[in-house]
N, C-alpha and C. Protein backbone atom coordinates (compact mmCIF):
# COMPACT_ATOMS: atom_id res chain seq x y z
N MET A 1 0.85 -1.19 0.00
CA MET A 1 0.00 0.00 0.00
C MET A 1 0.88 1.24 0.00
N PRO A 2 0.57 2.26 -0.80
CA PRO A 2 1.41 3.46 -0.84
C PRO A 2 1.53 4.11 0.53
N GLU A 3 2.70 4.64 0.80
CA GLU A 3 2.97 5.23 2.11
C GLU A 3 2.04 6.39 2.42
N ASP A 4 1.64 7.17 1.41
CA ASP A 4 0.79 8.32 1.68
C ASP A 4 -0.58 7.91 2.19
N LYS A 5 -1.01 6.70 1.86
CA LYS A 5 -2.29 6.22 2.38
C LYS A 5 -2.16 5.71 3.81
N SER A 6 -1.02 5.13 4.15
CA SER A 6 -0.84 4.64 5.52
C SER A 6 -0.73 5.78 6.51
N ARG A 7 -0.17 6.94 6.09
CA ARG A 7 -0.05 8.14 6.91
C ARG A 7 0.73 7.86 8.20
N ARG A 8 1.80 7.09 8.08
CA ARG A 8 2.60 6.73 9.25
C ARG A 8 3.09 7.97 10.00
N ASN A 9 3.62 8.96 9.29
CA ASN A 9 4.15 10.15 9.95
C ASN A 9 3.05 10.93 10.67
N PHE A 10 1.87 10.97 10.08
CA PHE A 10 0.75 11.66 10.72
C PHE A 10 0.43 11.05 12.07
N TRP A 11 0.31 9.71 12.11
CA TRP A 11 -0.05 9.05 13.37
C TRP A 11 1.10 9.12 14.38
N GLN A 12 2.34 9.03 13.91
CA GLN A 12 3.48 9.18 14.82
C GLN A 12 3.44 10.54 15.51
N SER A 13 3.19 11.58 14.74
CA SER A 13 3.18 12.92 15.34
C SER A 13 2.05 13.08 16.33
N ARG A 14 0.91 12.48 16.07
CA ARG A 14 -0.20 12.59 17.01
C ARG A 14 0.15 11.96 18.35
N TYR A 15 0.78 10.80 18.34
CA TYR A 15 1.17 10.16 19.60
C TYR A 15 2.27 10.94 20.30
N ARG A 16 3.24 11.43 19.55
CA ARG A 16 4.35 12.16 20.17
C ARG A 16 3.87 13.47 20.79
N GLU A 17 2.84 14.06 20.21
CA GLU A 17 2.27 15.30 20.75
C GLU A 17 1.26 15.04 21.86
N GLY A 18 0.88 13.79 22.06
CA GLY A 18 -0.17 13.47 23.02
C GLY A 18 -1.54 13.88 22.55
N ASN A 19 -1.70 14.09 21.26
CA ASN A 19 -2.97 14.52 20.68
C ASN A 19 -3.74 13.29 20.22
N ILE A 20 -4.25 12.53 21.18
CA ILE A 20 -4.91 11.24 20.91
C ILE A 20 -6.25 11.17 21.64
N PRO A 21 -7.19 12.01 21.24
CA PRO A 21 -8.48 12.05 21.96
C PRO A 21 -9.28 10.77 21.85
N TRP A 22 -8.97 9.91 20.88
CA TRP A 22 -9.69 8.64 20.76
C TRP A 22 -9.31 7.65 21.84
N ASP A 23 -8.19 7.88 22.52
CA ASP A 23 -7.72 6.95 23.56
C ASP A 23 -8.47 7.24 24.85
N LEU A 24 -9.33 6.31 25.26
CA LEU A 24 -10.14 6.49 26.46
C LEU A 24 -9.44 6.02 27.72
N GLY A 25 -8.28 5.36 27.56
CA GLY A 25 -7.57 4.83 28.72
C GLY A 25 -8.11 3.50 29.20
N GLU A 26 -9.10 2.96 28.50
CA GLU A 26 -9.73 1.69 28.85
C GLU A 26 -10.59 1.25 27.66
N PRO A 27 -11.02 -0.02 27.63
CA PRO A 27 -11.92 -0.44 26.56
C PRO A 27 -13.23 0.34 26.64
N SER A 28 -13.76 0.70 25.50
CA SER A 28 -15.02 1.45 25.49
C SER A 28 -16.19 0.58 25.91
N ARG A 29 -17.27 1.21 26.32
CA ARG A 29 -18.47 0.47 26.70
C ARG A 29 -19.02 -0.37 25.56
N PRO A 30 -19.06 0.14 24.31
CA PRO A 30 -19.53 -0.72 23.22
C PRO A 30 -18.67 -1.97 23.02
N VAL A 31 -17.36 -1.85 23.18
CA VAL A 31 -16.51 -3.03 23.04
C VAL A 31 -16.84 -4.04 24.14
N ARG A 32 -16.99 -3.57 25.36
CA ARG A 32 -17.34 -4.49 26.45
C ARG A 32 -18.67 -5.19 26.16
N TRP A 33 -19.61 -4.45 25.59
CA TRP A 33 -20.92 -5.03 25.25
C TRP A 33 -20.75 -6.12 24.20
N LEU A 34 -19.93 -5.87 23.18
CA LEU A 34 -19.70 -6.88 22.15
C LEU A 34 -19.06 -8.13 22.74
N VAL A 35 -18.11 -7.94 23.62
CA VAL A 35 -17.46 -9.10 24.26
C VAL A 35 -18.48 -9.91 25.04
N GLU A 36 -19.33 -9.24 25.79
CA GLU A 36 -20.31 -9.93 26.64
C GLU A 36 -21.39 -10.63 25.83
N HIS A 37 -21.75 -10.08 24.67
CA HIS A 37 -22.91 -10.59 23.94
C HIS A 37 -22.59 -11.41 22.70
N HIS A 38 -21.40 -11.24 22.11
CA HIS A 38 -21.14 -11.89 20.84
C HIS A 38 -19.84 -12.67 20.75
N PHE A 39 -18.90 -12.43 21.63
CA PHE A 39 -17.63 -13.15 21.54
C PHE A 39 -17.82 -14.61 21.89
N PRO A 40 -17.07 -15.51 21.22
CA PRO A 40 -17.05 -16.91 21.65
C PRO A 40 -16.37 -17.01 23.02
N PRO A 41 -16.58 -18.11 23.72
CA PRO A 41 -15.96 -18.25 25.05
C PRO A 41 -14.43 -18.20 25.02
N THR A 42 -13.85 -18.71 23.95
CA THR A 42 -12.39 -18.67 23.76
C THR A 42 -12.12 -18.42 22.28
N GLY A 43 -10.86 -18.15 21.95
CA GLY A 43 -10.54 -18.01 20.54
C GLY A 43 -9.46 -16.99 20.28
N LYS A 44 -9.18 -16.81 18.98
CA LYS A 44 -8.13 -15.90 18.53
C LYS A 44 -8.77 -14.63 18.00
N VAL A 45 -8.20 -13.50 18.42
CA VAL A 45 -8.77 -12.19 18.08
C VAL A 45 -7.70 -11.33 17.42
N LEU A 46 -8.07 -10.70 16.30
CA LEU A 46 -7.20 -9.74 15.63
C LEU A 46 -7.73 -8.33 15.86
N ILE A 47 -6.85 -7.43 16.31
CA ILE A 47 -7.24 -6.03 16.54
C ILE A 47 -6.40 -5.14 15.64
N PRO A 48 -6.98 -4.62 14.55
CA PRO A 48 -6.24 -3.71 13.68
C PRO A 48 -6.23 -2.30 14.25
N GLY A 49 -5.12 -1.59 14.04
CA GLY A 49 -5.05 -0.23 14.56
C GLY A 49 -5.30 -0.18 16.06
N CYS A 50 -4.57 -1.03 16.79
CA CYS A 50 -4.88 -1.26 18.21
C CYS A 50 -4.50 -0.08 19.10
N GLY A 51 -3.65 0.84 18.63
CA GLY A 51 -3.23 1.94 19.50
C GLY A 51 -2.51 1.40 20.73
N ARG A 52 -2.85 1.96 21.87
CA ARG A 52 -2.22 1.53 23.12
C ARG A 52 -2.72 0.18 23.63
N GLY A 53 -3.72 -0.37 22.96
CA GLY A 53 -4.08 -1.76 23.21
C GLY A 53 -4.92 -2.02 24.44
N HIS A 54 -5.76 -1.09 24.83
CA HIS A 54 -6.60 -1.33 26.01
C HIS A 54 -7.52 -2.53 25.77
N GLU A 55 -8.03 -2.66 24.55
CA GLU A 55 -8.88 -3.81 24.22
C GLU A 55 -8.07 -5.11 24.23
N ALA A 56 -6.83 -5.03 23.74
CA ALA A 56 -5.98 -6.22 23.73
C ALA A 56 -5.72 -6.73 25.15
N LEU A 57 -5.42 -5.82 26.05
CA LEU A 57 -5.19 -6.21 27.45
C LEU A 57 -6.46 -6.79 28.06
N TYR A 58 -7.57 -6.14 27.82
CA TYR A 58 -8.87 -6.58 28.35
C TYR A 58 -9.19 -8.01 27.90
N LEU A 59 -8.95 -8.30 26.63
CA LEU A 59 -9.25 -9.63 26.11
C LEU A 59 -8.24 -10.68 26.57
N ALA A 60 -6.97 -10.31 26.61
CA ALA A 60 -5.96 -11.26 27.08
C ALA A 60 -6.21 -11.65 28.53
N GLU A 61 -6.65 -10.70 29.34
CA GLU A 61 -6.99 -11.00 30.73
C GLU A 61 -8.10 -12.04 30.82
N ARG A 62 -8.93 -12.12 29.78
CA ARG A 62 -10.06 -13.05 29.76
C ARG A 62 -9.73 -14.34 29.01
N GLY A 63 -8.48 -14.53 28.68
CA GLY A 63 -8.03 -15.78 28.12
C GLY A 63 -8.03 -15.88 26.62
N TYR A 64 -8.34 -14.80 25.91
CA TYR A 64 -8.30 -14.84 24.45
C TYR A 64 -6.85 -14.74 23.95
N GLN A 65 -6.60 -15.35 22.81
CA GLN A 65 -5.30 -15.22 22.14
C GLN A 65 -5.39 -14.00 21.22
N VAL A 66 -4.64 -12.97 21.53
CA VAL A 66 -4.80 -11.68 20.87
C VAL A 66 -3.59 -11.36 20.00
N THR A 67 -3.86 -10.92 18.78
CA THR A 67 -2.86 -10.33 17.91
C THR A 67 -3.24 -8.87 17.72
N ALA A 68 -2.39 -7.97 18.18
CA ALA A 68 -2.66 -6.53 18.13
C ALA A 68 -1.69 -5.88 17.15
N VAL A 69 -2.23 -5.10 16.22
CA VAL A 69 -1.42 -4.54 15.14
C VAL A 69 -1.59 -3.03 15.09
N ASP A 70 -0.47 -2.32 14.96
CA ASP A 70 -0.53 -0.88 14.73
C ASP A 70 0.63 -0.47 13.85
N LEU A 71 0.48 0.69 13.22
CA LEU A 71 1.45 1.17 12.25
C LEU A 71 2.67 1.81 12.89
N VAL A 72 2.51 2.38 14.09
CA VAL A 72 3.58 3.17 14.69
C VAL A 72 4.03 2.58 16.03
N ALA A 73 5.24 2.93 16.42
CA ALA A 73 5.89 2.30 17.56
C ALA A 73 5.39 2.80 18.91
N GLU A 74 5.09 4.09 19.02
CA GLU A 74 4.83 4.69 20.33
C GLU A 74 3.72 3.98 21.12
N PRO A 75 2.54 3.78 20.55
CA PRO A 75 1.50 3.12 21.34
C PRO A 75 1.81 1.66 21.63
N LEU A 76 2.54 1.00 20.72
CA LEU A 76 2.85 -0.41 20.94
C LEU A 76 3.85 -0.59 22.09
N GLU A 77 4.73 0.38 22.30
CA GLU A 77 5.63 0.30 23.44
C GLU A 77 4.84 0.38 24.75
N TYR A 78 3.84 1.23 24.77
CA TYR A 78 2.94 1.29 25.94
C TYR A 78 2.29 -0.07 26.17
N LEU A 79 1.79 -0.69 25.09
CA LEU A 79 1.11 -1.98 25.22
C LEU A 79 2.08 -3.06 25.70
N ARG A 80 3.29 -3.08 25.16
CA ARG A 80 4.26 -4.09 25.60
C ARG A 80 4.54 -3.97 27.09
N LYS A 81 4.74 -2.76 27.56
CA LYS A 81 5.03 -2.55 28.98
C LYS A 81 3.84 -2.97 29.84
N ALA A 82 2.64 -2.62 29.41
CA ALA A 82 1.44 -2.98 30.18
C ALA A 82 1.24 -4.48 30.19
N ALA A 83 1.51 -5.14 29.08
CA ALA A 83 1.36 -6.60 29.02
C ALA A 83 2.38 -7.28 29.93
N ARG A 84 3.64 -6.81 29.89
CA ARG A 84 4.66 -7.39 30.77
C ARG A 84 4.29 -7.19 32.23
N LYS A 85 3.82 -6.01 32.57
CA LYS A 85 3.46 -5.70 33.96
C LYS A 85 2.37 -6.63 34.47
N SER A 86 1.46 -7.01 33.58
CA SER A 86 0.34 -7.87 33.98
C SER A 86 0.59 -9.34 33.63
N SER A 87 1.79 -9.66 33.15
CA SER A 87 2.15 -11.03 32.76
C SER A 87 1.16 -11.61 31.75
N LEU A 88 0.84 -10.81 30.75
CA LEU A 88 -0.10 -11.24 29.71
C LEU A 88 0.66 -11.49 28.41
N GLU A 89 0.27 -12.54 27.69
CA GLU A 89 0.87 -12.86 26.41
C GLU A 89 -0.01 -12.29 25.30
N ILE A 90 0.54 -11.33 24.56
CA ILE A 90 -0.14 -10.72 23.43
C ILE A 90 0.83 -10.66 22.27
N GLU A 91 0.41 -11.11 21.10
CA GLU A 91 1.24 -10.97 19.92
C GLU A 91 1.08 -9.53 19.42
N ILE A 92 2.18 -8.79 19.38
CA ILE A 92 2.16 -7.37 19.02
C ILE A 92 2.97 -7.17 17.74
N LEU A 93 2.31 -6.63 16.71
CA LEU A 93 2.95 -6.44 15.42
C LEU A 93 2.94 -4.97 15.05
N GLN A 94 4.12 -4.40 14.78
CA GLN A 94 4.18 -3.06 14.23
C GLN A 94 4.31 -3.18 12.72
N GLN A 95 3.23 -2.90 12.03
CA GLN A 95 3.24 -3.02 10.57
C GLN A 95 1.96 -2.43 10.00
N ASP A 96 1.95 -2.30 8.69
CA ASP A 96 0.75 -1.94 7.96
C ASP A 96 -0.19 -3.15 7.98
N ILE A 97 -1.35 -3.01 8.57
CA ILE A 97 -2.27 -4.13 8.70
C ILE A 97 -2.68 -4.69 7.34
N PHE A 98 -2.68 -3.86 6.30
CA PHE A 98 -3.07 -4.33 4.98
C PHE A 98 -2.00 -5.21 4.33
N GLU A 99 -0.85 -5.31 4.97
CA GLU A 99 0.21 -6.19 4.51
C GLU A 99 0.38 -7.38 5.46
N LEU A 100 -0.68 -7.74 6.14
CA LEU A 100 -0.64 -8.87 7.07
C LEU A 100 -0.21 -10.15 6.34
N ALA A 101 0.71 -10.88 6.94
CA ALA A 101 1.32 -12.04 6.28
C ALA A 101 0.28 -13.13 5.99
N PRO A 102 0.49 -13.90 4.92
CA PRO A 102 -0.45 -14.98 4.57
C PRO A 102 -0.64 -16.01 5.67
N ARG A 103 0.31 -16.16 6.57
CA ARG A 103 0.14 -17.15 7.63
C ARG A 103 -1.04 -16.82 8.55
N TYR A 104 -1.54 -15.59 8.46
CA TYR A 104 -2.69 -15.22 9.27
C TYR A 104 -4.02 -15.40 8.54
N ASN A 105 -3.98 -15.93 7.33
CA ASN A 105 -5.22 -16.19 6.61
C ASN A 105 -6.04 -17.26 7.33
N ASP A 106 -7.34 -17.05 7.43
CA ASP A 106 -8.26 -18.02 8.04
C ASP A 106 -7.84 -18.38 9.46
N ALA A 107 -7.28 -17.42 10.19
CA ALA A 107 -6.67 -17.72 11.50
C ALA A 107 -7.50 -17.28 12.69
N PHE A 108 -8.42 -16.33 12.51
CA PHE A 108 -9.02 -15.66 13.66
C PHE A 108 -10.52 -15.95 13.79
N ASP A 109 -10.94 -16.02 15.05
CA ASP A 109 -12.36 -16.18 15.35
C ASP A 109 -13.09 -14.84 15.37
N VAL A 110 -12.35 -13.78 15.74
CA VAL A 110 -12.94 -12.44 15.83
C VAL A 110 -11.97 -11.43 15.24
N PHE A 111 -12.51 -10.53 14.43
CA PHE A 111 -11.81 -9.35 13.93
C PHE A 111 -12.48 -8.18 14.65
N LEU A 112 -11.77 -7.57 15.59
CA LEU A 112 -12.37 -6.55 16.44
C LEU A 112 -12.09 -5.16 15.89
N GLU A 113 -13.13 -4.44 15.57
CA GLU A 113 -13.04 -3.09 15.04
C GLU A 113 -13.38 -2.07 16.14
N GLN A 114 -12.44 -1.16 16.38
CA GLN A 114 -12.68 -0.07 17.33
C GLN A 114 -11.86 1.14 16.90
N THR A 115 -12.51 2.09 16.24
CA THR A 115 -11.94 3.37 15.79
C THR A 115 -10.98 3.24 14.61
N PHE A 116 -10.74 2.03 14.07
CA PHE A 116 -9.80 1.90 12.97
C PHE A 116 -10.42 2.27 11.63
N PHE A 117 -11.60 1.74 11.34
CA PHE A 117 -12.24 1.98 10.04
C PHE A 117 -12.40 3.47 9.77
N CYS A 118 -12.82 4.22 10.78
CA CYS A 118 -13.06 5.65 10.57
C CYS A 118 -11.76 6.43 10.44
N SER A 119 -10.62 5.80 10.71
CA SER A 119 -9.34 6.51 10.66
C SER A 119 -8.62 6.32 9.33
N ILE A 120 -9.04 5.35 8.53
CA ILE A 120 -8.29 5.06 7.30
C ILE A 120 -8.86 5.85 6.12
N ASP A 121 -8.06 5.96 5.09
CA ASP A 121 -8.48 6.60 3.85
C ASP A 121 -9.70 5.85 3.30
N PRO A 122 -10.79 6.54 2.96
CA PRO A 122 -11.95 5.84 2.40
C PRO A 122 -11.64 5.01 1.16
N LEU A 123 -10.56 5.33 0.45
CA LEU A 123 -10.17 4.51 -0.69
C LEU A 123 -9.77 3.09 -0.28
N LEU A 124 -9.55 2.89 1.02
CA LEU A 124 -9.12 1.58 1.53
C LEU A 124 -10.27 0.76 2.10
N TYR A 125 -11.49 1.26 2.03
CA TYR A 125 -12.61 0.53 2.63
C TYR A 125 -12.79 -0.87 2.02
N VAL A 126 -12.67 -0.96 0.71
CA VAL A 126 -12.80 -2.28 0.07
C VAL A 126 -11.66 -3.18 0.52
N ASP A 127 -10.44 -2.64 0.60
CA ASP A 127 -9.30 -3.42 1.08
C ASP A 127 -9.53 -3.90 2.52
N TYR A 128 -10.16 -3.07 3.32
CA TYR A 128 -10.48 -3.44 4.71
C TYR A 128 -11.37 -4.67 4.73
N ALA A 129 -12.42 -4.67 3.90
CA ALA A 129 -13.33 -5.81 3.86
C ALA A 129 -12.61 -7.07 3.40
N VAL A 130 -11.71 -6.93 2.42
CA VAL A 130 -10.93 -8.07 1.94
C VAL A 130 -10.02 -8.59 3.04
N LEU A 131 -9.38 -7.68 3.77
CA LEU A 131 -8.51 -8.05 4.88
C LEU A 131 -9.27 -8.85 5.93
N ALA A 132 -10.43 -8.34 6.34
CA ALA A 132 -11.21 -9.02 7.37
C ALA A 132 -11.63 -10.41 6.90
N TYR A 133 -12.02 -10.51 5.64
CA TYR A 133 -12.47 -11.80 5.12
C TYR A 133 -11.34 -12.82 5.12
N ARG A 134 -10.17 -12.42 4.67
CA ARG A 134 -9.07 -13.39 4.60
C ARG A 134 -8.51 -13.74 5.97
N ALA A 135 -8.63 -12.82 6.94
CA ALA A 135 -8.08 -13.09 8.28
C ALA A 135 -8.98 -14.01 9.10
N LEU A 136 -10.28 -13.96 8.86
CA LEU A 136 -11.22 -14.72 9.68
C LEU A 136 -11.35 -16.17 9.20
N LYS A 137 -11.58 -17.05 10.16
CA LYS A 137 -11.98 -18.42 9.84
C LYS A 137 -13.39 -18.40 9.26
N PRO A 138 -13.78 -19.41 8.49
CA PRO A 138 -15.19 -19.52 8.11
C PRO A 138 -16.07 -19.54 9.36
N GLY A 139 -17.09 -18.71 9.38
CA GLY A 139 -17.92 -18.58 10.57
C GLY A 139 -17.40 -17.58 11.58
N GLY A 140 -16.20 -17.03 11.31
CA GLY A 140 -15.66 -16.01 12.19
C GLY A 140 -16.44 -14.71 12.09
N GLN A 141 -16.29 -13.86 13.09
CA GLN A 141 -17.08 -12.65 13.19
C GLN A 141 -16.25 -11.39 13.11
N LEU A 142 -16.72 -10.43 12.33
CA LEU A 142 -16.25 -9.06 12.45
C LEU A 142 -17.20 -8.38 13.42
N LEU A 143 -16.68 -8.01 14.57
CA LEU A 143 -17.46 -7.33 15.60
C LEU A 143 -16.89 -5.93 15.74
N GLY A 144 -17.72 -4.93 15.51
CA GLY A 144 -17.16 -3.59 15.43
C GLY A 144 -17.98 -2.51 16.07
N VAL A 145 -17.25 -1.46 16.47
CA VAL A 145 -17.84 -0.21 16.94
C VAL A 145 -17.49 0.84 15.90
N PHE A 146 -18.51 1.42 15.29
CA PHE A 146 -18.32 2.42 14.25
C PHE A 146 -18.94 3.73 14.71
N MET A 147 -18.65 4.82 13.98
CA MET A 147 -19.05 6.14 14.46
C MET A 147 -19.45 7.03 13.30
N GLU A 148 -20.43 7.86 13.56
CA GLU A 148 -20.83 8.90 12.62
C GLU A 148 -20.34 10.25 13.15
N VAL A 149 -19.91 11.11 12.25
CA VAL A 149 -19.52 12.46 12.62
C VAL A 149 -20.24 13.44 11.71
N LEU A 150 -20.23 14.71 12.08
CA LEU A 150 -21.05 15.70 11.39
C LEU A 150 -20.27 16.54 10.40
N TRP A 151 -19.06 16.09 10.04
CA TRP A 151 -18.26 16.89 9.11
C TRP A 151 -17.76 16.01 7.97
N GLU A 152 -17.30 16.68 6.92
CA GLU A 152 -16.66 15.99 5.81
C GLU A 152 -15.16 15.90 6.08
N GLY A 153 -14.54 14.95 5.43
CA GLY A 153 -13.10 14.77 5.64
C GLY A 153 -12.82 13.96 6.88
N GLY A 154 -11.60 14.03 7.33
CA GLY A 154 -11.22 13.24 8.48
C GLY A 154 -9.70 13.08 8.49
N PRO A 155 -9.19 12.22 9.34
CA PRO A 155 -9.94 11.37 10.26
C PRO A 155 -10.39 12.11 11.52
N PRO A 156 -11.44 11.60 12.22
CA PRO A 156 -12.24 10.46 11.80
C PRO A 156 -13.18 10.81 10.66
N HIS A 157 -13.44 9.82 9.82
CA HIS A 157 -14.35 9.99 8.71
C HIS A 157 -15.76 9.59 9.15
N ASN A 158 -16.74 10.22 8.54
CA ASN A 158 -18.12 9.86 8.83
C ASN A 158 -18.41 8.47 8.28
N CYS A 159 -18.91 7.58 9.13
CA CYS A 159 -19.13 6.19 8.74
C CYS A 159 -20.55 5.75 9.08
N PRO A 160 -21.55 6.24 8.34
CA PRO A 160 -22.92 5.78 8.59
C PRO A 160 -23.06 4.31 8.26
N PRO A 161 -24.02 3.62 8.89
CA PRO A 161 -24.13 2.17 8.70
C PRO A 161 -24.24 1.72 7.25
N ASP A 162 -25.02 2.43 6.44
CA ASP A 162 -25.19 2.00 5.04
C ASP A 162 -23.87 2.01 4.29
N LEU A 163 -23.05 3.03 4.55
CA LEU A 163 -21.75 3.11 3.88
C LEU A 163 -20.86 1.95 4.30
N VAL A 164 -20.86 1.63 5.57
CA VAL A 164 -20.00 0.54 6.05
C VAL A 164 -20.48 -0.79 5.50
N LEU A 165 -21.77 -1.06 5.60
CA LEU A 165 -22.29 -2.37 5.22
C LEU A 165 -22.13 -2.64 3.72
N GLU A 166 -22.17 -1.60 2.90
CA GLU A 166 -22.06 -1.81 1.46
C GLU A 166 -20.66 -2.27 1.05
N GLN A 167 -19.69 -2.16 1.95
CA GLN A 167 -18.33 -2.64 1.64
C GLN A 167 -18.23 -4.16 1.73
N PHE A 168 -19.23 -4.81 2.31
CA PHE A 168 -19.16 -6.24 2.62
C PHE A 168 -20.18 -7.00 1.77
N PRO A 169 -19.74 -7.65 0.69
CA PRO A 169 -20.66 -8.31 -0.23
C PRO A 169 -21.47 -9.42 0.46
N ALA A 170 -22.76 -9.49 0.12
CA ALA A 170 -23.64 -10.49 0.73
C ALA A 170 -23.21 -11.91 0.39
N ALA A 171 -22.50 -12.09 -0.72
CA ALA A 171 -22.03 -13.43 -1.07
C ALA A 171 -20.97 -13.94 -0.09
N ARG A 172 -20.32 -13.02 0.60
CA ARG A 172 -19.25 -13.40 1.52
C ARG A 172 -19.62 -13.24 2.99
N TRP A 173 -20.65 -12.43 3.27
CA TRP A 173 -20.92 -12.06 4.65
C TRP A 173 -22.41 -12.19 4.99
N ARG A 174 -22.66 -12.65 6.19
CA ARG A 174 -24.01 -12.53 6.77
C ARG A 174 -24.00 -11.30 7.65
N LYS A 175 -24.87 -10.36 7.32
CA LYS A 175 -24.83 -9.04 7.96
C LYS A 175 -26.05 -8.82 8.84
N GLU A 176 -25.82 -8.23 10.01
CA GLU A 176 -26.90 -7.86 10.90
C GLU A 176 -27.05 -6.35 10.91
N ASN A 177 -28.23 -5.89 11.29
CA ASN A 177 -28.48 -4.45 11.32
C ASN A 177 -27.63 -3.78 12.40
N ALA A 178 -27.29 -2.53 12.13
CA ALA A 178 -26.55 -1.75 13.12
C ALA A 178 -27.39 -1.52 14.36
N LYS A 179 -26.71 -1.49 15.51
CA LYS A 179 -27.38 -1.22 16.79
C LYS A 179 -26.79 0.06 17.38
N PRO A 180 -27.56 1.15 17.40
CA PRO A 180 -27.06 2.38 18.03
C PRO A 180 -26.71 2.12 19.49
N PHE A 181 -25.60 2.73 19.93
CA PHE A 181 -25.17 2.55 21.32
C PHE A 181 -25.44 3.83 22.10
N THR A 182 -26.24 3.69 23.13
CA THR A 182 -26.62 4.85 23.94
C THR A 182 -26.35 4.55 25.41
N PRO A 183 -26.14 5.60 26.23
CA PRO A 183 -26.06 7.00 25.84
C PRO A 183 -24.76 7.30 25.12
N LYS A 184 -24.73 8.39 24.36
CA LYS A 184 -23.54 8.78 23.63
C LYS A 184 -22.39 9.06 24.58
N ASN A 185 -21.22 8.60 24.21
CA ASN A 185 -20.02 8.87 24.99
C ASN A 185 -19.57 10.31 24.70
N PRO A 186 -19.52 11.20 25.69
CA PRO A 186 -19.13 12.58 25.44
C PRO A 186 -17.70 12.73 24.95
N ALA A 187 -16.87 11.69 25.12
CA ALA A 187 -15.49 11.74 24.64
C ALA A 187 -15.40 11.45 23.14
N ARG A 188 -16.50 11.05 22.51
CA ARG A 188 -16.52 10.76 21.09
C ARG A 188 -17.15 11.92 20.32
N PRO A 189 -16.67 12.20 19.11
CA PRO A 189 -17.21 13.33 18.36
C PRO A 189 -18.56 13.06 17.70
N GLY A 190 -19.05 11.84 17.79
CA GLY A 190 -20.33 11.52 17.19
C GLY A 190 -20.90 10.25 17.77
N PRO A 191 -22.14 9.90 17.40
CA PRO A 191 -22.78 8.69 17.94
C PRO A 191 -22.11 7.43 17.43
N GLU A 192 -22.06 6.42 18.28
CA GLU A 192 -21.47 5.14 17.94
C GLU A 192 -22.56 4.09 17.76
N TYR A 193 -22.23 3.07 16.98
CA TYR A 193 -23.13 1.94 16.82
C TYR A 193 -22.29 0.68 16.64
N THR A 194 -22.88 -0.45 16.93
CA THR A 194 -22.18 -1.72 16.79
C THR A 194 -22.68 -2.47 15.55
N LEU A 195 -21.80 -3.26 14.98
CA LEU A 195 -22.13 -4.11 13.85
C LEU A 195 -21.57 -5.51 14.08
N ARG A 196 -22.31 -6.49 13.58
CA ARG A 196 -21.84 -7.88 13.60
C ARG A 196 -21.98 -8.44 12.19
N LEU A 197 -20.86 -8.92 11.64
CA LEU A 197 -20.85 -9.57 10.34
C LEU A 197 -20.16 -10.91 10.50
N VAL A 198 -20.72 -11.94 9.86
CA VAL A 198 -20.19 -13.28 9.98
C VAL A 198 -19.69 -13.74 8.61
N LYS A 199 -18.48 -14.24 8.57
CA LYS A 199 -17.89 -14.72 7.31
C LYS A 199 -18.56 -16.01 6.89
N LYS A 200 -19.07 -16.03 5.68
CA LYS A 200 -19.66 -17.24 5.13
C LYS A 200 -18.55 -18.18 4.62
N GLY A 201 -18.91 -19.44 4.48
CA GLY A 201 -17.93 -20.37 3.92
C GLY A 201 -17.84 -21.62 4.73
């Protein structure tokens, strides 16, 4: 993927400046809800754009095998230290998630989406759907928290449910309706909703 689309320098500068309003310091309430209502009892979870990895730590504490991926080093160093402190085993990869190695094909039970989709270039939405499909086992789930915002451009980009769902072909995915999550989190710039998509095959 071209470097200008990955925007590595942009995200590095945001972390170095401490300008990371999306970081809540803990897993969000919608993520906790997804874990409680849709996650399998055990399994392998892929978290793209994991940032400081609050979700990765939360899931590893509950016995899931977690692979956490981010483009830049700063947040992953935080995650490594937190994992060591809690004696948790998490596979941590610093790389472009769209270049995930073939050995991860059909490997995961859950592809966890939290703030990543709305952060990427909209030209990559189709690539995102392809990535999720190849990473998940047949019957695996994309469980996600998505967000709408009131402005054009981004990141974060406005991601209404219809726009997100149209990226996932019905021939490959069983799709459920979006569920608005209330009350709105005041730390988020717009309303959030959850989605569940299941890989066919």
